[in-house]
Amino acid sequence: MPPAVYIVGLGIFTQGTSEFMLSGLLPGMADDLGVSIPDAGLLISAFAIGMVVGAPLLAVATLGWPRRTALVSLQAAFVVAHVVGALAPGYAVLFVSRVVSALAYAGYWGVAVATAVALVPAVAKARAVAVVAGGLTLATIVGVPAGTVLSQYSSWRAAFWAVAAATVVSLVCTLLVVPGGRGEGERPSVRAELRGMARPQLWLSYAVTAFAFGAVIVTFSYLAALLTEVSGVSEGWVPAILALFGAGGLAGLVIGGRTGETRPLGTLGLGLGALAVFSALLALTAHVTAVVVALVFLLGLVGYVTNPALQSRVFTLAPDAPTLVGAVNTAAFNVGNTVAPLLGGLAIDAGYGYASVAWVGSGLAVAGAAGVLWAAHLRRSGPQRVAARPRTAVISRETAKAEA
C-alpha cells in the first residue's frame, strides 16, 4: 500500500477526532458558554449537517485542483476553524466554526478517498478505502477518549487546540508524501462527473450506505446511556466498553477491506444481516451485562465490516466520476448519522426506553439488506451500461465481475 494512502488516513484520524469528541465535552462546554446541554448538543447536529452539504459542494469546488493542493487547502481551513473555535467568546461563534470545520472535513473526505483509490490498482481499491476509513475508527478508539481526558484535566478548548495541532502535523505529512497533480489522462469536468453519476445502481448504493451507517450509529449514540441505565454498568467502565466497540470496528474494517474486494454485495448482505440480528439481540438482552459487552464488540465488527465495500463500490459503479461519487457517498453516510439518532431519540421520548434504539438499528439494517438484495436483482436482470472511463479509473474484468 503506498505511504500516501496512510497519510490521507492520518488526516481522517485527526479531523475525525473532532467529529465525535463533542460527546465527551458537552457538559464542560455548556457550563463555559452558559447554555443548556441540549443547546450544546446542537453543535453535533451542526457538524453533521455541514458534512452532508459540504461533501458534494467542496468536491465540485475543488474538482479541477491537484489533489494534494485540495487536501492541504481543506486541512488548512479546518485548522483555522478550530483555532477560531478554541478562542470563541460565545456560542454563536463556536457554532459557525463547527459548520466551517464540517464543510472542510467533508471536502477532505471526498478528495481523500478519491486520492487513495487512484493510487492503487483496481483489485486493491477496497483495501485502500479500508485504510482511509480506519483513520476514523482509530479516532473513536484513541482520539475521542484522549480529547475527553484532556478536557477533564484542562478544558474543552484544550481539546480543540490539540486537534488543530495534530491536523497541522497531518498537513505537513501530506505536503511531503502525497503526490502532486493528477494521474495521466485525468481531465476533471463537473459535467462529465454528473453524467457518470446518472445510474440507478449508484443511487441505490447511496441509500444502502445511509441505512447501513444509520443502523450502526443509532445504537452507538445512546450506548453509554443504555449501559448505565439498563445494563447496570458503572460509569467508570463505559469508556472501556466504548473502546471495545471501536476495536470491533477496526477488526471489521480489516476483514471488510479484504472481502469487499472480491465479494462486495456478499459482504454487504452478510454484514447487514448480522447487524440486524445482533441489534435485535441487544434489545432483548440489554439487562444482561455480560451478553451486552460481547454484543458491543460484535456490533462494532459487523457494523464496520461493510464500510470498505460501501466506500469502494461506488467507484466501481461510476468510475468516470471519481471525485463527486465519493463525496456524495460521504454525504450519504452523514444522512444516516443525522437521521438515525433522531429516530432513536423519538423512540426513547415515546417511552420505549434506551433498549428501543437497538430495535431501530435492527430495522435500518433490514432496510439496508433489502437494498442489497435489490442491487443483486438488478445485476442479474441485465448487464449494466458503463460509460467511457478515463484510464486512471479502468477496472479489471475480475473486479467488475466480483462487484456484480
Protein backbone atom coordinates (compact mmCIF):
# COMPACT_ATOMS: atom_id res chain seq x y z
CA MET A 1 0.00 0.00 0.00
CA PRO A 2 1.53 3.39 -0.96
CA PRO A 3 2.55 5.55 2.04
CA ALA A 4 0.32 8.35 0.74
CA VAL A 5 -2.76 6.21 1.45
CA TYR A 6 -1.78 6.03 5.12
CA ILE A 7 -1.14 9.77 5.19
CA VAL A 8 -4.65 10.61 3.99
CA GLY A 9 -5.88 8.13 6.60
CA LEU A 10 -3.94 10.15 9.17
CA GLY A 11 -5.83 13.23 8.02
CA ILE A 12 -9.12 11.43 8.60
CA PHE A 13 -7.90 10.44 12.08
CA THR A 14 -7.05 13.98 13.16
CA GLN A 15 -10.21 15.55 11.78
CA GLY A 16 -12.44 12.59 12.68
CA THR A 17 -11.45 13.02 16.31
CA SER A 18 -13.19 16.39 16.21
CA GLU A 19 -16.28 14.88 14.60
CA PHE A 20 -17.03 12.65 17.59
CA MET A 21 -15.21 14.21 20.55
CA LEU A 22 -18.01 16.62 21.46
CA SER A 23 -19.99 13.80 23.07
CA GLY A 24 -17.44 13.84 25.91
CA LEU A 25 -17.07 17.63 26.02
CA LEU A 26 -20.70 18.78 26.17
CA PRO A 27 -21.05 19.32 29.95
CA GLY A 28 -17.93 21.48 30.17
CA MET A 29 -18.84 23.39 27.01
CA ALA A 30 -22.35 24.06 28.26
CA ASP A 31 -21.05 25.41 31.59
CA ASP A 32 -18.38 27.56 29.97
CA LEU A 33 -20.66 29.03 27.31
CA GLY A 34 -23.68 29.48 29.57
CA VAL A 35 -26.05 27.31 27.53
CA SER A 36 -28.01 24.14 28.23
CA ILE A 37 -26.61 20.72 27.34
CA PRO A 38 -29.30 20.25 24.62
CA ASP A 39 -28.22 23.56 23.08
CA ALA A 40 -24.59 22.46 23.25
CA GLY A 41 -25.68 19.21 21.61
CA LEU A 42 -26.83 21.21 18.59
CA LEU A 43 -23.13 21.70 17.82
CA ILE A 44 -23.03 18.00 16.94
CA SER A 45 -26.00 18.39 14.60
CA ALA A 46 -24.38 21.46 13.02
CA PHE A 47 -21.30 19.40 12.21
CA ALA A 48 -23.34 16.56 10.70
CA ILE A 49 -25.39 18.93 8.53
CA GLY A 50 -22.21 20.66 7.41
CA MET A 51 -20.87 17.26 6.34
CA VAL A 52 -23.98 16.49 4.27
CA VAL A 53 -23.85 19.84 2.47
CA GLY A 54 -20.10 20.20 2.31
CA ALA A 55 -19.11 16.88 0.75
CA PRO A 56 -20.61 17.40 -2.74
CA LEU A 57 -20.21 21.20 -2.62
CA LEU A 58 -16.48 21.11 -1.86
CA ALA A 59 -15.95 18.23 -4.29
CA VAL A 60 -17.27 20.38 -7.12
CA ALA A 61 -15.40 23.48 -5.94
CA THR A 62 -12.04 21.67 -5.87
CA LEU A 63 -12.62 19.36 -8.82
CA GLY A 64 -10.05 21.00 -11.08
CA TRP A 65 -7.40 21.31 -8.37
CA PRO A 66 -4.44 18.96 -7.98
CA ARG A 67 -5.47 16.54 -5.24
CA ARG A 68 -2.59 17.41 -2.92
CA THR A 69 -3.48 21.10 -3.20
CA ALA A 70 -7.10 20.33 -2.39
CA LEU A 71 -6.20 18.16 0.59
CA VAL A 72 -3.81 20.74 2.07
CA SER A 73 -6.19 23.66 1.49
CA LEU A 74 -9.07 21.85 3.18
CA GLN A 75 -6.88 20.86 6.12
CA ALA A 76 -5.73 24.47 6.47
CA ALA A 77 -9.35 25.67 6.55
CA PHE A 78 -10.11 23.01 9.17
CA VAL A 79 -7.21 24.19 11.34
CA VAL A 80 -8.28 27.84 11.12
CA ALA A 81 -11.85 26.93 12.07
CA HIS A 82 -10.60 25.01 15.13
CA VAL A 83 -8.37 27.88 16.24
CA VAL A 84 -11.40 30.18 15.99
CA GLY A 85 -13.45 27.62 17.90
CA ALA A 86 -10.83 27.34 20.65
CA LEU A 87 -10.85 31.12 21.03
CA ALA A 88 -14.62 31.53 20.62
CA PRO A 89 -16.01 34.08 23.09
CA GLY A 90 -19.52 32.66 22.84
CA TYR A 91 -21.86 30.03 21.49
CA ALA A 92 -22.64 31.70 18.16
CA VAL A 93 -19.00 31.93 17.05
CA LEU A 94 -18.38 28.33 18.08
CA PHE A 95 -21.48 27.19 16.18
CA VAL A 96 -20.26 28.85 12.97
CA SER A 97 -16.77 27.41 13.45
CA ARG A 98 -18.25 23.90 13.70
CA VAL A 99 -20.13 24.35 10.44
CA VAL A 100 -16.97 25.58 8.68
CA SER A 101 -14.97 22.69 10.16
CA ALA A 102 -17.54 20.23 8.86
CA LEU A 103 -17.51 21.74 5.38
CA ALA A 104 -13.71 21.44 5.20
CA TYR A 105 -13.70 17.92 6.66
CA ALA A 106 -16.42 16.76 4.29
CA GLY A 107 -14.48 18.06 1.32
CA TYR A 108 -11.35 16.35 2.63
CA TRP A 109 -13.19 13.02 2.92
CA GLY A 110 -14.26 13.10 -0.71
CA VAL A 111 -10.83 14.04 -2.03
CA ALA A 112 -9.05 11.64 0.35
CA VAL A 113 -10.99 8.59 -0.81
CA ALA A 114 -10.61 9.58 -4.47
CA THR A 115 -6.87 10.04 -3.92
CA ALA A 116 -6.49 6.66 -2.22
CA VAL A 117 -8.30 4.68 -4.91
CA ALA A 118 -6.35 6.49 -7.65
CA LEU A 119 -3.03 5.44 -6.09
CA VAL A 120 -3.68 1.68 -6.11
CA PRO A 121 -4.64 -0.94 -8.73
CA ALA A 122 -8.29 -1.86 -9.13
CA VAL A 123 -8.03 -5.04 -7.05
CA ALA A 124 -6.73 -3.08 -4.04
CA LYS A 125 -9.31 -0.26 -4.01
CA ALA A 126 -11.41 -1.70 -1.16
CA ARG A 127 -8.28 -2.24 0.93
CA ALA A 128 -7.14 1.35 0.31
CA VAL A 129 -10.55 2.64 1.35
CA ALA A 130 -10.34 0.47 4.49
CA VAL A 131 -7.04 2.13 5.39
CA VAL A 132 -8.52 5.62 4.96
CA ALA A 133 -11.69 4.75 6.87
CA GLY A 134 -9.54 3.11 9.54
CA GLY A 135 -8.40 6.60 10.48
CA LEU A 136 -11.92 7.38 11.67
CA THR A 137 -12.13 4.13 13.63
CA LEU A 138 -8.82 4.93 15.33
CA ALA A 139 -10.26 8.35 16.15
CA THR A 140 -13.08 6.68 18.11
CA ILE A 141 -10.65 4.33 19.90
CA VAL A 142 -7.80 6.76 20.63
CA GLY A 143 -8.64 10.33 19.65
CA VAL A 144 -12.03 10.75 21.29
CA PRO A 145 -11.05 9.29 24.70
CA ALA A 146 -7.85 11.38 24.62
CA GLY A 147 -9.84 14.54 23.93
CA THR A 148 -12.19 13.70 26.80
CA VAL A 149 -9.31 13.18 29.23
CA LEU A 150 -7.62 16.38 28.05
CA SER A 151 -10.81 18.36 28.61
CA GLN A 152 -11.18 16.90 32.11
CA TYR A 153 -7.65 17.95 33.11
CA SER A 154 -7.72 21.29 31.29
CA SER A 155 -10.79 22.41 29.32
CA TRP A 156 -12.74 21.68 26.17
CA ARG A 157 -10.73 24.42 24.47
CA ALA A 158 -7.54 22.41 25.02
CA ALA A 159 -9.09 19.55 23.07
CA PHE A 160 -9.76 21.93 20.16
CA TRP A 161 -6.14 23.15 20.26
CA ALA A 162 -4.91 19.55 20.26
CA VAL A 163 -6.98 18.67 17.19
CA ALA A 164 -5.70 21.77 15.38
CA ALA A 165 -2.08 20.88 16.20
CA ALA A 166 -2.50 17.26 15.10
CA THR A 167 -4.07 18.40 11.84
CA VAL A 168 -1.09 20.69 11.18
CA VAL A 169 1.19 17.65 11.51
CA SER A 170 -1.03 15.77 9.07
CA LEU A 171 -0.94 18.74 6.67
CA VAL A 172 2.87 18.76 6.65
CA CYS A 173 2.94 14.99 6.02
CA THR A 174 0.53 15.48 3.12
CA LEU A 175 2.84 18.05 1.55
CA LEU A 176 5.82 15.71 1.89
CA VAL A 177 4.28 12.37 0.85
CA VAL A 178 1.13 12.74 -1.26
CA PRO A 179 1.95 13.14 -4.99
CA GLY A 180 1.11 16.46 -6.60
CA GLY A 181 -1.07 16.78 -9.68
CA ARG A 182 -3.41 14.13 -11.04
CA GLY A 183 -2.97 10.88 -12.83
CA GLU A 184 -2.20 10.72 -16.51
CA GLY A 185 -5.31 11.12 -18.63
CA GLU A 186 -7.43 12.72 -15.90
CA ARG A 187 -9.32 15.76 -17.16
CA PRO A 188 -11.82 16.57 -14.42
CA SER A 189 -15.12 18.05 -15.53
CA VAL A 190 -18.23 18.71 -13.45
CA ARG A 191 -20.45 17.89 -16.43
CA ALA A 192 -18.64 14.60 -17.10
CA GLU A 193 -18.83 13.61 -13.43
CA LEU A 194 -22.54 14.42 -13.27
CA ARG A 195 -23.12 12.28 -16.37
CA GLY A 196 -21.17 9.46 -14.76
CA MET A 197 -23.45 9.53 -11.72
CA ALA A 198 -26.69 9.08 -13.68
CA ARG A 199 -27.03 5.39 -12.81
CA PRO A 200 -29.84 3.87 -10.69
CA GLN A 201 -27.50 1.32 -9.12
CA LEU A 202 -25.32 4.12 -7.78
CA TRP A 203 -28.18 5.90 -6.02
CA LEU A 204 -29.40 2.59 -4.63
CA SER A 205 -25.90 2.15 -3.23
CA TYR A 206 -26.15 5.58 -1.58
CA ALA A 207 -29.41 4.53 0.07
CA VAL A 208 -27.75 1.36 1.37
CA THR A 209 -24.91 3.50 2.74
CA ALA A 210 -27.33 5.72 4.68
CA PHE A 211 -29.26 2.73 6.09
CA ALA A 212 -26.10 0.80 6.96
CA PHE A 213 -24.34 3.59 8.81
CA GLY A 214 -27.57 4.71 10.43
CA ALA A 215 -28.05 1.18 11.79
CA VAL A 216 -24.63 1.39 13.44
CA ILE A 217 -24.69 4.95 14.75
CA VAL A 218 -28.20 4.90 16.26
CA THR A 219 -27.17 2.29 18.82
CA PHE A 220 -23.72 3.79 19.38
CA SER A 221 -25.20 7.25 20.00
CA TYR A 222 -27.15 6.04 23.03
CA LEU A 223 -24.87 3.19 24.07
CA ALA A 224 -23.44 4.94 27.14
CA ALA A 225 -26.93 5.65 28.49
CA LEU A 226 -28.07 2.09 27.72
CA LEU A 227 -25.05 0.65 29.55
CA THR A 228 -25.58 2.70 32.71
CA GLU A 229 -29.37 2.88 32.81
CA VAL A 230 -30.34 -0.59 31.57
CA SER A 231 -27.33 -2.90 31.76
CA GLY A 232 -26.19 -1.70 35.18
CA VAL A 233 -22.64 -0.85 34.11
CA SER A 234 -20.84 1.69 36.29
CA GLU A 235 -19.78 4.93 34.61
CA GLY A 236 -16.12 4.10 35.11
CA TRP A 237 -16.39 1.11 32.77
CA VAL A 238 -18.23 2.91 29.99
CA PRO A 239 -15.12 4.28 28.18
CA ALA A 240 -13.56 0.81 28.11
CA ILE A 241 -16.71 -0.75 26.64
CA LEU A 242 -16.97 2.03 24.06
CA ALA A 243 -13.34 1.34 23.14
CA LEU A 244 -14.32 -2.32 22.74
CA PHE A 245 -16.86 -1.21 20.14
CA GLY A 246 -14.07 0.64 18.35
CA ALA A 247 -11.80 -2.42 18.49
CA GLY A 248 -14.57 -4.48 16.89
CA GLY A 249 -14.93 -1.78 14.24
CA LEU A 250 -11.21 -1.91 13.47
CA ALA A 251 -11.36 -5.70 13.09
CA GLY A 252 -14.38 -5.29 10.83
CA LEU A 253 -12.53 -2.84 8.61
CA VAL A 254 -9.63 -5.27 8.22
CA ILE A 255 -11.95 -8.12 7.27
CA GLY A 256 -14.16 -5.97 5.06
CA GLY A 257 -11.14 -4.49 3.32
CA ARG A 258 -10.34 -7.97 2.01
CA THR A 259 -13.76 -9.47 1.36
CA GLY A 260 -15.03 -6.22 -0.13
CA GLU A 261 -12.53 -6.54 -2.96
CA THR A 262 -13.90 -9.83 -4.27
CA ARG A 263 -17.47 -10.06 -2.93
CA PRO A 264 -18.82 -6.58 -2.20
CA LEU A 265 -22.52 -7.46 -2.38
CA GLY A 266 -21.96 -10.62 -0.35
CA THR A 267 -20.05 -8.64 2.27
CA LEU A 268 -22.81 -6.06 2.46
CA GLY A 269 -25.58 -8.64 2.67
CA LEU A 270 -23.93 -10.75 5.36
CA GLY A 271 -22.77 -7.72 7.34
CA LEU A 272 -26.18 -6.04 7.37
CA GLY A 273 -27.95 -9.31 8.14
CA ALA A 274 -25.66 -9.92 11.11
CA LEU A 275 -26.08 -6.32 12.23
CA ALA A 276 -29.87 -6.73 12.23
CA VAL A 277 -29.61 -9.93 14.31
CA PHE A 278 -27.09 -8.59 16.84
CA SER A 279 -29.02 -5.34 17.25
CA ALA A 280 -32.20 -7.30 17.98
CA LEU A 281 -30.32 -9.47 20.47
CA LEU A 282 -29.03 -6.34 22.21
CA ALA A 283 -32.58 -5.03 22.55
CA LEU A 284 -33.73 -8.36 24.01
CA THR A 285 -30.80 -8.87 26.42
CA ALA A 286 -29.94 -5.27 27.35
CA HIS A 287 -30.31 -6.11 31.06
CA VAL A 288 -27.68 -8.90 30.94
CA THR A 289 -24.34 -7.16 31.32
CA ALA A 290 -22.04 -9.96 30.12
CA VAL A 291 -24.08 -10.53 26.97
CA VAL A 292 -24.23 -6.80 26.25
CA VAL A 293 -20.45 -6.44 26.49
CA ALA A 294 -19.95 -9.26 23.98
CA LEU A 295 -22.58 -7.79 21.67
CA VAL A 296 -20.92 -4.37 21.76
CA PHE A 297 -17.77 -5.84 20.23
CA LEU A 298 -19.79 -7.80 17.65
CA LEU A 299 -21.84 -4.75 16.71
CA GLY A 300 -18.65 -2.82 16.04
CA LEU A 301 -17.30 -5.68 13.92
CA VAL A 302 -20.36 -6.28 11.72
CA GLY A 303 -21.19 -2.58 11.64
CA TYR A 304 -17.85 -1.64 10.10
CA VAL A 305 -17.18 -4.75 8.02
CA THR A 306 -19.46 -3.21 5.39
CA ASN A 307 -17.62 0.13 5.30
CA PRO A 308 -14.91 -0.68 2.71
CA ALA A 309 -17.47 -2.18 0.32
CA LEU A 310 -19.82 0.78 0.81
CA GLN A 311 -16.97 3.18 0.04
CA SER A 312 -15.27 1.37 -2.83
CA ARG A 313 -18.32 0.01 -4.65
CA VAL A 314 -19.50 3.46 -5.74
CA PHE A 315 -16.20 3.93 -7.62
CA THR A 316 -16.87 0.67 -9.45
CA LEU A 317 -20.41 1.73 -10.35
CA ALA A 318 -19.34 5.19 -11.58
CA PRO A 319 -15.63 5.06 -12.46
CA ASP A 320 -15.84 8.21 -14.56
CA ALA A 321 -16.94 10.35 -11.59
CA PRO A 322 -14.03 9.62 -9.22
CA THR A 323 -14.34 12.77 -7.09
CA LEU A 324 -18.04 13.57 -6.91
CA VAL A 325 -19.14 9.96 -6.47
CA GLY A 326 -17.14 9.58 -3.27
CA ALA A 327 -18.20 12.96 -1.96
CA VAL A 328 -21.90 12.15 -2.33
CA ASN A 329 -21.25 8.83 -0.59
CA THR A 330 -19.75 10.80 2.31
CA ALA A 331 -22.96 12.85 2.39
CA ALA A 332 -24.97 9.60 2.44
CA PHE A 333 -23.02 8.40 5.49
CA ASN A 334 -23.89 11.63 7.25
CA VAL A 335 -27.56 11.42 6.31
CA GLY A 336 -27.55 8.19 8.30
CA ASN A 337 -25.51 9.90 11.02
CA THR A 338 -28.09 12.69 11.28
CA VAL A 339 -31.43 10.91 10.83
CA ALA A 340 -30.84 7.66 12.71
CA PRO A 341 -30.04 9.21 16.14
CA LEU A 342 -33.13 11.38 15.68
CA LEU A 343 -35.24 8.24 15.19
CA GLY A 344 -33.65 6.70 18.25
CA GLY A 345 -34.47 9.81 20.28
CA LEU A 346 -38.08 9.64 19.14
CA ALA A 347 -38.30 6.02 20.31
CA ILE A 348 -36.90 6.97 23.72
CA ASP A 349 -39.21 10.00 24.03
CA ALA A 350 -42.17 7.76 23.19
CA GLY A 351 -41.44 5.80 26.36
CA TYR A 352 -39.89 2.66 24.87
CA GLY A 353 -36.62 3.03 26.77
CA TYR A 354 -32.98 3.06 25.75
CA ALA A 355 -33.05 -0.53 24.54
CA SER A 356 -35.50 0.52 21.83
CA VAL A 357 -32.72 2.23 19.87
CA ALA A 358 -31.32 -1.22 19.12
CA TRP A 359 -34.65 -2.16 17.53
CA VAL A 360 -34.38 0.98 15.39
CA GLY A 361 -30.88 -0.12 14.38
CA SER A 362 -32.14 -3.59 13.52
CA GLY A 363 -34.90 -2.17 11.34
CA LEU A 364 -32.48 0.12 9.48
CA ALA A 365 -30.14 -2.83 8.90
CA VAL A 366 -33.01 -4.86 7.45
CA ALA A 367 -33.84 -1.96 5.10
CA GLY A 368 -30.20 -1.82 4.01
CA ALA A 369 -30.11 -5.58 3.43
CA ALA A 370 -33.24 -5.26 1.28
CA GLY A 371 -31.41 -2.65 -0.79
CA VAL A 372 -28.52 -5.08 -1.29
CA LEU A 373 -30.93 -7.78 -2.46
CA TRP A 374 -32.45 -5.30 -4.89
CA ALA A 375 -28.99 -4.44 -6.20
CA ALA A 376 -28.26 -8.13 -6.73
CA HIS A 377 -31.56 -8.49 -8.61
CA LEU A 378 -30.74 -5.54 -10.86
CA ARG A 379 -27.36 -7.08 -11.58
CA ARG A 380 -28.92 -10.41 -12.54
CA SER A 381 -31.68 -8.84 -14.65
CA GLY A 382 -29.29 -7.35 -17.19
CA PRO A 383 -25.78 -6.02 -17.79
CA GLN A 384 -25.01 -2.54 -16.52
CA ARG A 385 -24.23 0.11 -19.03
CA VAL A 386 -20.83 1.55 -18.31
CA ALA A 387 -19.80 4.85 -19.79
CA ALA A 388 -16.38 5.52 -21.25
CA ARG A 389 -13.80 5.53 -18.48
CA PRO A 390 -10.68 7.59 -18.04
CA ARG A 391 -7.57 5.49 -17.97
CA THR A 392 -7.00 6.11 -14.27
CA ALA A 393 -10.39 4.62 -13.42
CA VAL A 394 -10.30 1.48 -15.56
CA ILE A 395 -11.34 -1.55 -13.57
CA SER A 396 -10.15 -5.07 -14.29
CA ARG A 397 -12.56 -7.69 -15.56
CA GLU A 398 -12.04 -9.70 -12.42
CA THR A 399 -13.03 -6.78 -10.16
CA ALA A 400 -16.03 -5.86 -12.29
CA LYS A 401 -17.25 -9.46 -12.13
CA ALA A 402 -16.68 -9.57 -8.39
CA GLU A 403 -18.63 -6.33 -7.92
CA ALA A 404 -21.50 -7.72 -9.90
